[in-house]
Amino acid sequence: MRVAVLYSGGKDSNYALYWALKQGFDVKYLVSMHSESEESYMYHVPNIHLTELQARAAGIPLVKGFTSGEKEREVEDMKAVLEGLRIDGIVAGALASEYQKRRVDRVAEELGLQSFAPAWHRNPEEYMRELIGIFDIVVVGVSAYGLDESWLGRRIDERALKELVALHEKYKLHVAGEGGEFETFVRDAPFFRARVVFDDVEKLWDEYTYSGVLAVRGAHLEWK
């Protein structure tokens, strides 16, 4: 089966790609949607430009789509990108967002494609523990009480996961960040022929909104 993976560079889209390859699917494209809006309902925004490096590391063509980020219109922008591809299905990293999954499923149905969401409704803690064993994941955005500036650039490992579980118990933060509490970037994966190395980063922190991003100004591939 020829598929395209909706790809943001974060943990969930990389898990979707990992799963698709494990299924033996022919992953023809990674589809990366670039939104002008930081408040996009559908798409991951922080460091989306680095998907170019990840696609090179994976050896899979990257197809870029662009959208203003206007609600609902951004779904049609994704559809316009997908309908130009010769594929049989799409794979998404949706975990718990009914909003996102319904819209991806609708686009797939309208285009006559199969829709897959391998992480859908997984137990968050079990899912995160599996991801830690597969990928090198770093936090590149936070927007939730309990997650401060120190989380920006932090690798998600067993210790970090333990803290996320404690924050869930205290503040009801979603352990896998599905509510937008944090955003991630995958620097290395089993299907990468090179790992992504950050050369120049800047922490942009807003005390008023208690949120921030790790802006990666420069990065390169280190071939294995």
C-alpha atoms as a PDB file:
ATOM      1  CA  MET A   1       0.000   0.000   0.000  1.00  0.00           C
ATOM      2  CA  ARG A   2       1.314   3.416  -0.991  1.00  0.00           C
ATOM      3  CA  VAL A   3       0.851   5.921   1.817  1.00  0.00           C
ATOM      4  CA  ALA A   4       1.723   9.446   2.840  1.00  0.00           C
ATOM      5  CA  VAL A   5       2.477  10.198   6.476  1.00  0.00           C
ATOM      6  CA  LEU A   6       1.299  13.534   7.884  1.00  0.00           C
ATOM      7  CA  TYR A   7       4.587  14.701   9.300  1.00  0.00           C
ATOM      8  CA  SER A   8       5.393  17.503  11.752  1.00  0.00           C
ATOM      9  CA  GLY A   9       8.734  16.266  13.037  1.00  0.00           C
ATOM     10  CA  GLY A  10       7.374  15.562  16.523  1.00  0.00           C
ATOM     11  CA  LYS A  11       6.989  12.315  18.424  1.00  0.00           C
ATOM     12  CA  ASP A  12       3.509  11.394  17.196  1.00  0.00           C
ATOM     13  CA  SER A  13       4.130  11.828  13.478  1.00  0.00           C
ATOM     14  CA  ASN A  14       7.378   9.906  13.821  1.00  0.00           C
ATOM     15  CA  TYR A  15       5.529   7.112  15.561  1.00  0.00           C
ATOM     16  CA  ALA A  16       3.034   7.112  12.689  1.00  0.00           C
ATOM     17  CA  LEU A  17       5.938   6.762  10.250  1.00  0.00           C
ATOM     18  CA  TYR A  18       7.586   4.062  12.376  1.00  0.00           C
ATOM     19  CA  TRP A  19       4.322   2.104  12.441  1.00  0.00           C
ATOM     20  CA  ALA A  20       3.752   2.462   8.694  1.00  0.00           C
ATOM     21  CA  LEU A  21       7.224   1.127   7.927  1.00  0.00           C
ATOM     22  CA  LYS A  22       6.698  -1.746  10.373  1.00  0.00           C
ATOM     23  CA  GLN A  23       3.473  -2.621   8.519  1.00  0.00           C
ATOM     24  CA  GLY A  24       5.453  -2.906   5.307  1.00  0.00           C
ATOM     25  CA  PHE A  25       3.673   0.043   3.698  1.00  0.00           C
ATOM     26  CA  ASP A  26       5.369   1.845   0.835  1.00  0.00           C
ATOM     27  CA  VAL A  27       5.794   5.288   2.369  1.00  0.00           C
ATOM     28  CA  LYS A  28       5.959   7.484  -0.714  1.00  0.00           C
ATOM     29  CA  TYR A  29       5.839  10.881   0.986  1.00  0.00           C
ATOM     30  CA  LEU A  30       6.050  12.788   4.224  1.00  0.00           C
ATOM     31  CA  VAL A  31       3.533  15.640   4.118  1.00  0.00           C
ATOM     32  CA  SER A  32       4.428  18.672   6.188  1.00  0.00           C
ATOM     33  CA  MET A  33       1.897  21.475   6.563  1.00  0.00           C
ATOM     34  CA  HIS A  34       3.388  24.902   7.267  1.00  0.00           C
ATOM     35  CA  SER A  35       0.918  27.178   9.021  1.00  0.00           C
ATOM     36  CA  GLU A  36       1.207  30.950   9.314  1.00  0.00           C
ATOM     37  CA  SER A  37      -0.806  30.792  12.525  1.00  0.00           C
ATOM     38  CA  GLU A  38       0.841  29.813  15.806  1.00  0.00           C
ATOM     39  CA  GLU A  39      -2.648  28.952  17.042  1.00  0.00           C
ATOM     40  CA  SER A  40      -3.358  26.366  14.339  1.00  0.00           C
ATOM     41  CA  TYR A  41      -6.084  23.899  15.300  1.00  0.00           C
ATOM     42  CA  MET A  42      -4.603  21.180  13.091  1.00  0.00           C
ATOM     43  CA  TYR A  43      -0.862  21.536  12.750  1.00  0.00           C
ATOM     44  CA  HIS A  44       2.327  21.563  14.795  1.00  0.00           C
ATOM     45  CA  VAL A  45       4.169  24.867  14.346  1.00  0.00           C
ATOM     46  CA  PRO A  46       7.491  24.990  16.298  1.00  0.00           C
ATOM     47  CA  ASN A  47      10.526  24.272  14.082  1.00  0.00           C
ATOM     48  CA  ILE A  48       8.455  22.845  11.245  1.00  0.00           C
ATOM     49  CA  HIS A  49      11.262  23.874   8.880  1.00  0.00           C
ATOM     50  CA  LEU A  50      13.451  21.122  10.339  1.00  0.00           C
ATOM     51  CA  THR A  51      11.290  18.435   8.724  1.00  0.00           C
ATOM     52  CA  GLU A  52      13.539  18.947   5.685  1.00  0.00           C
ATOM     53  CA  LEU A  53      16.476  17.521   7.642  1.00  0.00           C
ATOM     54  CA  GLN A  54      14.382  14.682   9.048  1.00  0.00           C
ATOM     55  CA  ALA A  55      13.099  13.730   5.587  1.00  0.00           C
ATOM     56  CA  ARG A  56      16.685  13.622   4.310  1.00  0.00           C
ATOM     57  CA  ALA A  57      17.669  11.473   7.291  1.00  0.00           C
ATOM     58  CA  ALA A  58      14.787   9.089   6.570  1.00  0.00           C
ATOM     59  CA  GLY A  59      15.374   9.089   2.814  1.00  0.00           C
ATOM     60  CA  ILE A  60      11.710   9.831   2.072  1.00  0.00           C
ATOM     61  CA  PRO A  61      10.514  12.713  -0.157  1.00  0.00           C
ATOM     62  CA  LEU A  62       9.008  15.641   1.730  1.00  0.00           C
ATOM     63  CA  VAL A  63       5.957  17.407   0.341  1.00  0.00           C
ATOM     64  CA  LYS A  64       5.299  20.825   1.845  1.00  0.00           C
ATOM     65  CA  GLY A  65       1.878  22.377   2.106  1.00  0.00           C
ATOM     66  CA  PHE A  66       1.181  25.940   3.147  1.00  0.00           C
ATOM     67  CA  THR A  67      -1.806  27.390   4.936  1.00  0.00           C
ATOM     68  CA  SER A  68      -2.775  30.644   6.601  1.00  0.00           C
ATOM     69  CA  GLY A  69      -3.992  28.552   9.526  1.00  0.00           C
ATOM     70  CA  GLU A  70      -7.584  29.747   9.239  1.00  0.00           C
ATOM     71  CA  LYS A  71      -9.886  27.291  11.001  1.00  0.00           C
ATOM     72  CA  GLU A  72     -11.442  24.738   8.593  1.00  0.00           C
ATOM     73  CA  ARG A  73      -9.726  26.376   5.618  1.00  0.00           C
ATOM     74  CA  GLU A  74      -6.491  24.760   6.776  1.00  0.00           C
ATOM     75  CA  VAL A  75      -8.134  21.350   6.374  1.00  0.00           C
ATOM     76  CA  GLU A  76      -8.981  22.132   2.757  1.00  0.00           C
ATOM     77  CA  ASP A  77      -5.380  23.244   2.224  1.00  0.00           C
ATOM     78  CA  MET A  78      -4.211  19.824   3.396  1.00  0.00           C
ATOM     79  CA  LYS A  79      -6.708  18.126   1.110  1.00  0.00           C
ATOM     80  CA  ALA A  80      -5.383  20.096  -1.859  1.00  0.00           C
ATOM     81  CA  VAL A  81      -1.887  18.777  -1.165  1.00  0.00           C
ATOM     82  CA  LEU A  82      -2.977  15.169  -0.699  1.00  0.00           C
ATOM     83  CA  GLU A  83      -5.181  14.970  -3.767  1.00  0.00           C
ATOM     84  CA  GLY A  84      -2.151  15.598  -5.979  1.00  0.00           C
ATOM     85  CA  LEU A  85      -0.319  12.503  -4.687  1.00  0.00           C
ATOM     86  CA  ARG A  86      -0.484   8.957  -6.041  1.00  0.00           C
ATOM     87  CA  ILE A  87      -1.251   7.161  -2.800  1.00  0.00           C
ATOM     88  CA  ASP A  88      -3.740   4.696  -1.347  1.00  0.00           C
ATOM     89  CA  GLY A  89      -3.803   5.914   2.239  1.00  0.00           C
ATOM     90  CA  ILE A  90      -2.687   8.467   4.800  1.00  0.00           C
ATOM     91  CA  VAL A  91      -1.203   7.869   8.236  1.00  0.00           C
ATOM     92  CA  ALA A  92      -1.596  10.392  11.048  1.00  0.00           C
ATOM     93  CA  GLY A  93      -0.236  10.688  14.567  1.00  0.00           C
ATOM     94  CA  ALA A  94      -3.563  11.520  16.192  1.00  0.00           C
ATOM     95  CA  LEU A  95      -3.719  10.311  19.779  1.00  0.00           C
ATOM     96  CA  ALA A  96      -6.803  11.786  21.429  1.00  0.00           C
ATOM     97  CA  SER A  97      -7.932  14.833  19.426  1.00  0.00           C
ATOM     98  CA  GLU A  98     -11.369  14.094  17.984  1.00  0.00           C
ATOM     99  CA  TYR A  99     -11.158  17.421  16.150  1.00  0.00           C
ATOM    100  CA  GLN A 100      -8.053  16.415  14.208  1.00  0.00           C
ATOM    101  CA  LYS A 101      -8.944  12.789  13.577  1.00  0.00           C
ATOM    102  CA  ARG A 102     -12.442  13.530  12.285  1.00  0.00           C
ATOM    103  CA  ARG A 103     -11.059  15.987   9.776  1.00  0.00           C
ATOM    104  CA  VAL A 104      -8.268  13.712   8.574  1.00  0.00           C
ATOM    105  CA  ASP A 105     -10.774  10.856   8.211  1.00  0.00           C
ATOM    106  CA  ARG A 106     -13.148  13.108   6.285  1.00  0.00           C
ATOM    107  CA  VAL A 107     -10.448  14.219   3.858  1.00  0.00           C
ATOM    108  CA  ALA A 108      -9.382  10.609   3.348  1.00  0.00           C
ATOM    109  CA  GLU A 109     -12.965   9.557   2.615  1.00  0.00           C
ATOM    110  CA  GLU A 110     -13.466  12.411   0.159  1.00  0.00           C
ATOM    111  CA  LEU A 111     -10.269  11.427  -1.684  1.00  0.00           C
ATOM    112  CA  GLY A 112     -11.009   7.700  -1.616  1.00  0.00           C
ATOM    113  CA  LEU A 113      -8.069   6.952   0.660  1.00  0.00           C
ATOM    114  CA  GLN A 114      -7.692   4.730   3.706  1.00  0.00           C
ATOM    115  CA  SER A 115      -6.955   6.534   6.952  1.00  0.00           C
ATOM    116  CA  PHE A 116      -4.734   5.156   9.707  1.00  0.00           C
ATOM    117  CA  ALA A 117      -4.044   6.501  13.205  1.00  0.00           C
ATOM    118  CA  PRO A 118      -1.918   3.864  14.968  1.00  0.00           C
ATOM    119  CA  ALA A 119      -1.647   5.757  18.274  1.00  0.00           C
ATOM    120  CA  TRP A 120      -5.362   6.500  18.548  1.00  0.00           C
ATOM    121  CA  HIS A 121      -6.613   6.208  22.132  1.00  0.00           C
ATOM    122  CA  ARG A 122      -3.403   4.590  23.369  1.00  0.00           C
ATOM    123  CA  ASN A 123      -2.796   4.784  27.109  1.00  0.00           C
ATOM    124  CA  PRO A 124      -0.699   7.986  27.368  1.00  0.00           C
ATOM    125  CA  GLU A 125       1.845   6.715  29.893  1.00  0.00           C
ATOM    126  CA  GLU A 126       2.367   3.380  28.124  1.00  0.00           C
ATOM    127  CA  TYR A 127       2.593   5.165  24.791  1.00  0.00           C
ATOM    128  CA  MET A 128       5.200   7.632  26.035  1.00  0.00           C
ATOM    129  CA  ARG A 129       7.253   4.838  27.568  1.00  0.00           C
ATOM    130  CA  GLU A 130       7.279   3.046  24.218  1.00  0.00           C
ATOM    131  CA  LEU A 131       8.335   6.229  22.413  1.00  0.00           C
ATOM    132  CA  ILE A 132      11.222   6.785  24.834  1.00  0.00           C
ATOM    133  CA  GLY A 133      12.539   3.355  23.894  1.00  0.00           C
ATOM    134  CA  ILE A 134      12.416   4.161  20.164  1.00  0.00           C
ATOM    135  CA  PHE A 135      13.273   7.831  19.623  1.00  0.00           C
ATOM    136  CA  ASP A 136      15.480  10.660  20.834  1.00  0.00           C
ATOM    137  CA  ILE A 137      12.774  13.191  21.734  1.00  0.00           C
ATOM    138  CA  VAL A 138      13.316  16.760  22.868  1.00  0.00           C
ATOM    139  CA  VAL A 139      10.751  19.327  24.073  1.00  0.00           C
ATOM    140  CA  VAL A 140      10.550  22.366  21.760  1.00  0.00           C
ATOM    141  CA  GLY A 141       7.414  24.056  23.076  1.00  0.00           C
ATOM    142  CA  VAL A 142       5.499  24.299  26.364  1.00  0.00           C
ATOM    143  CA  SER A 143       2.179  25.879  27.210  1.00  0.00           C
ATOM    144  CA  ALA A 144       0.816  24.573  30.502  1.00  0.00           C
ATOM    145  CA  TYR A 145       1.074  25.330  34.193  1.00  0.00           C
ATOM    146  CA  GLY A 146       3.774  23.135  35.700  1.00  0.00           C
ATOM    147  CA  LEU A 147       5.961  23.191  32.601  1.00  0.00           C
ATOM    148  CA  ASP A 148       8.443  26.025  32.927  1.00  0.00           C
ATOM    149  CA  GLU A 149      11.311  27.347  30.811  1.00  0.00           C
ATOM    150  CA  SER A 150      13.604  24.563  32.006  1.00  0.00           C
ATOM    151  CA  TRP A 151      11.629  22.073  29.911  1.00  0.00           C
ATOM    152  CA  LEU A 152      12.621  23.763  26.658  1.00  0.00           C
ATOM    153  CA  GLY A 153      15.340  21.658  25.056  1.00  0.00           C
ATOM    154  CA  ARG A 154      14.926  18.892  27.608  1.00  0.00           C
ATOM    155  CA  ARG A 155      15.111  15.301  26.418  1.00  0.00           C
ATOM    156  CA  ILE A 156      12.113  13.149  27.296  1.00  0.00           C
ATOM    157  CA  ASP A 157      13.463  10.146  29.186  1.00  0.00           C
ATOM    158  CA  GLU A 158      12.172   8.004  32.047  1.00  0.00           C
ATOM    159  CA  ARG A 159      12.840  10.746  34.589  1.00  0.00           C
ATOM    160  CA  ALA A 160      10.973  13.329  32.507  1.00  0.00           C
ATOM    161  CA  LEU A 161       8.101  10.908  32.033  1.00  0.00           C
ATOM    162  CA  LYS A 162       7.869  10.361  35.783  1.00  0.00           C
ATOM    163  CA  GLU A 163       7.584  14.131  36.227  1.00  0.00           C
ATOM    164  CA  LEU A 164       4.906  14.363  33.525  1.00  0.00           C
ATOM    165  CA  VAL A 165       2.880  11.673  35.292  1.00  0.00           C
ATOM    166  CA  ALA A 166       3.174  13.632  38.560  1.00  0.00           C
ATOM    167  CA  LEU A 167       2.054  16.815  36.759  1.00  0.00           C
ATOM    168  CA  HIS A 168      -0.922  14.927  35.385  1.00  0.00           C
ATOM    169  CA  GLU A 169      -1.919  13.853  38.879  1.00  0.00           C
ATOM    170  CA  LYS A 170      -1.524  17.392  40.201  1.00  0.00           C
ATOM    171  CA  TYR A 171      -2.757  19.571  37.317  1.00  0.00           C
ATOM    172  CA  LYS A 172      -4.433  17.050  34.943  1.00  0.00           C
ATOM    173  CA  LEU A 173      -1.788  17.763  32.299  1.00  0.00           C
ATOM    174  CA  HIS A 174      -1.993  15.221  29.461  1.00  0.00           C
ATOM    175  CA  VAL A 175       1.031  12.936  29.850  1.00  0.00           C
ATOM    176  CA  ALA A 176       1.564  12.828  26.069  1.00  0.00           C
ATOM    177  CA  GLY A 177       0.884  16.542  25.553  1.00  0.00           C
ATOM    178  CA  GLU A 178      -2.162  15.906  23.407  1.00  0.00           C
ATOM    179  CA  GLY A 179      -3.875  18.995  24.772  1.00  0.00           C
ATOM    180  CA  GLY A 180      -1.096  21.203  23.435  1.00  0.00           C
ATOM    181  CA  GLU A 181       0.709  21.269  26.784  1.00  0.00           C
ATOM    182  CA  PHE A 182       4.031  20.585  25.093  1.00  0.00           C
ATOM    183  CA  GLU A 183       5.475  20.100  21.611  1.00  0.00           C
ATOM    184  CA  THR A 184       8.336  17.812  20.670  1.00  0.00           C
ATOM    185  CA  PHE A 185      10.984  17.176  18.052  1.00  0.00           C
ATOM    186  CA  VAL A 186      12.616  13.850  17.201  1.00  0.00           C
ATOM    187  CA  ARG A 187      16.360  14.124  16.694  1.00  0.00           C
ATOM    188  CA  ASP A 188      16.964  10.441  15.991  1.00  0.00           C
ATOM    189  CA  ALA A 189      14.945   7.373  15.046  1.00  0.00           C
ATOM    190  CA  PRO A 190      15.637   3.788  13.916  1.00  0.00           C
ATOM    191  CA  PHE A 191      14.741   4.719  10.323  1.00  0.00           C
ATOM    192  CA  PHE A 192      17.031   7.785  10.257  1.00  0.00           C
ATOM    193  CA  ARG A 193      20.359   7.335   8.485  1.00  0.00           C
ATOM    194  CA  ALA A 194      21.589  10.458  10.277  1.00  0.00           C
ATOM    195  CA  ARG A 195      20.693  12.201  13.514  1.00  0.00           C
ATOM    196  CA  VAL A 196      19.686  15.857  13.700  1.00  0.00           C
ATOM    197  CA  VAL A 197      22.121  17.991  15.680  1.00  0.00           C
ATOM    198  CA  PHE A 198      21.123  21.436  16.936  1.00  0.00           C
ATOM    199  CA  ASP A 199      23.807  24.064  16.336  1.00  0.00           C
ATOM    200  CA  ASP A 200      22.076  27.264  17.416  1.00  0.00           C
ATOM    201  CA  VAL A 201      19.020  27.460  19.653  1.00  0.00           C
ATOM    202  CA  GLU A 202      17.204  30.215  21.509  1.00  0.00           C
ATOM    203  CA  LYS A 203      14.685  29.890  24.302  1.00  0.00           C
ATOM    204  CA  LEU A 204      11.777  32.257  23.782  1.00  0.00           C
ATOM    205  CA  TRP A 205       9.867  32.458  27.065  1.00  0.00           C
ATOM    206  CA  ASP A 206       6.787  34.527  27.866  1.00  0.00           C
ATOM    207  CA  GLU A 207       6.254  34.968  31.603  1.00  0.00           C
ATOM    208  CA  TYR A 208       2.822  36.487  31.043  1.00  0.00           C
ATOM    209  CA  THR A 209       1.379  33.465  29.217  1.00  0.00           C
ATOM    210  CA  TYR A 210       3.724  30.995  30.935  1.00  0.00           C
ATOM    211  CA  SER A 211       4.626  29.466  27.605  1.00  0.00           C
ATOM    212  CA  GLY A 212       7.591  29.302  25.287  1.00  0.00           C
ATOM    213  CA  VAL A 213       9.391  27.651  22.411  1.00  0.00           C
ATOM    214  CA  LEU A 214      12.874  26.419  21.686  1.00  0.00           C
ATOM    215  CA  ALA A 215      13.648  28.147  18.397  1.00  0.00           C
ATOM    216  CA  VAL A 216      16.241  26.188  16.445  1.00  0.00           C
ATOM    217  CA  ARG A 217      18.160  28.719  14.351  1.00  0.00           C
ATOM    218  CA  GLY A 218      20.665  26.241  12.954  1.00  0.00           C
ATOM    219  CA  ALA A 219      20.982  22.465  12.699  1.00  0.00           C
ATOM    220  CA  HIS A 220      22.764  19.820  10.655  1.00  0.00           C
ATOM    221  CA  LEU A 221      22.745  16.066  10.010  1.00  0.00           C
ATOM    222  CA  GLU A 222      25.358  13.825  11.534  1.00  0.00           C
ATOM    223  CA  TRP A 223      25.475  10.668   9.432  1.00  0.00           C
ATOM    224  CA  LYS A 224      25.621   7.350  11.225  1.00  0.00           C
END
